[in-house]
Protein backbone atom coordinates (compact mmCIF):
# COMPACT_ATOMS: atom_id res chain seq x y z
CA MET A 1 -9.64 -115.49 -129.73
CA PHE A 2 -8.16 -114.71 -133.15
CA LYS A 3 -11.16 -112.55 -134.08
CA LYS A 4 -10.77 -110.43 -130.94
CA HIS A 5 -7.05 -109.80 -131.59
CA PHE A 6 -7.74 -109.12 -135.27
CA LYS A 7 -10.38 -106.50 -134.36
CA ILE A 8 -8.07 -104.79 -131.87
CA ILE A 9 -5.17 -104.71 -134.33
CA THR A 10 -7.38 -103.43 -137.15
CA LEU A 11 -8.88 -100.70 -134.96
CA THR A 12 -5.42 -99.63 -133.78
CA LEU A 13 -4.12 -99.41 -137.35
CA ILE A 14 -7.14 -97.42 -138.54
CA LEU A 15 -6.85 -94.96 -135.65
CA SER A 16 -3.11 -94.48 -136.07
CA VAL A 17 -3.38 -93.89 -139.82
CA GLY A 18 -6.36 -91.58 -139.38
CA LEU A 19 -4.75 -89.49 -136.66
CA ASN A 20 -1.49 -89.20 -138.58
CA ALA A 21 -3.34 -88.06 -141.70
CA CYS A 22 -5.16 -85.34 -139.77
CA ALA A 23 -2.00 -84.11 -138.09
CA SER A 24 -0.01 -83.83 -141.31
CA LYS A 25 -2.40 -81.59 -143.27
CA GLY A 26 -0.99 -78.25 -144.33
CA ILE A 27 2.38 -76.57 -144.06
CA ASN A 28 3.13 -74.51 -140.95
CA LEU A 29 4.35 -71.25 -142.50
CA THR A 30 5.66 -69.86 -139.20
CA LYS A 31 8.00 -72.84 -138.75
CA THR A 32 9.30 -72.65 -142.33
CA GLY A 33 9.99 -68.92 -141.98
CA ALA A 34 7.67 -67.87 -144.81
CA VAL A 35 5.52 -65.86 -142.38
CA LYS A 36 6.71 -63.88 -139.36
CA VAL A 37 4.25 -63.44 -136.49
CA GLN A 38 4.64 -60.61 -133.99
CA ILE A 39 2.60 -61.08 -130.82
CA ILE A 40 1.63 -57.92 -128.95
CA ASN A 41 -0.17 -58.62 -125.69
CA SER A 42 -2.32 -56.00 -123.99
CA ASP A 43 -3.23 -55.42 -120.36
CA GLN A 44 -6.44 -57.39 -120.87
CA VAL A 45 -5.42 -60.23 -123.20
CA LEU A 46 -2.52 -62.66 -123.58
CA ILE A 47 -2.08 -64.27 -126.98
CA ALA A 48 -0.64 -67.78 -127.18
CA ASN A 49 -0.24 -70.73 -129.57
CA VAL A 50 -0.11 -68.71 -132.79
CA TYR A 51 0.48 -70.46 -136.10
CA VAL A 52 -0.25 -69.96 -139.79
CA LYS A 53 -0.86 -72.99 -142.00
CA GLN A 54 -1.07 -73.20 -145.78
CA LEU A 55 -3.79 -75.68 -146.73
CA GLU A 56 -4.69 -76.61 -150.31
CA ASN A 57 -6.74 -73.52 -151.23
CA GLU A 58 -6.68 -71.47 -148.06
CA VAL A 59 -4.54 -70.09 -145.26
CA LEU A 60 -5.48 -70.91 -141.66
CA ILE A 61 -4.45 -68.43 -138.95
CA HIS A 62 -4.84 -69.76 -135.40
CA ALA A 63 -4.31 -68.03 -132.06
CA VAL A 64 -5.56 -68.47 -128.51
CA ALA A 65 -6.58 -65.29 -126.68
CA LYS A 66 -6.65 -65.58 -122.89
CA PRO A 67 -7.86 -62.83 -120.54
CA THR A 68 -5.17 -61.71 -118.08
CA ASN A 69 -7.66 -61.39 -115.22
CA PRO A 70 -10.40 -63.90 -114.47
CA VAL A 71 -13.62 -62.52 -115.93
CA ARG A 72 -17.11 -63.86 -116.26
CA PHE A 73 -17.81 -62.19 -119.61
CA PHE A 74 -15.08 -61.20 -122.05
CA THR A 75 -15.71 -58.16 -124.28
CA PRO A 76 -12.99 -57.27 -126.77
CA VAL A 77 -11.80 -53.67 -126.99
CA THR A 78 -12.29 -52.15 -130.43
């Protein structure tokens, strides 16, 4: 009985520490005000969930592009 509880507690601690470590990597530059992001949607695409993070040696820019109309194949306009 003790071994089962010990395994569950250990697994819970490892998962919570691991998930917290992954979530805390980098500084969100859009929240700190160091970077300003201007989102300009088009008739074909909506842009959502935009953020810029400063990692150790790189900058990560993330955005989700969603088509405004349901399409089977999405081809970006150049």
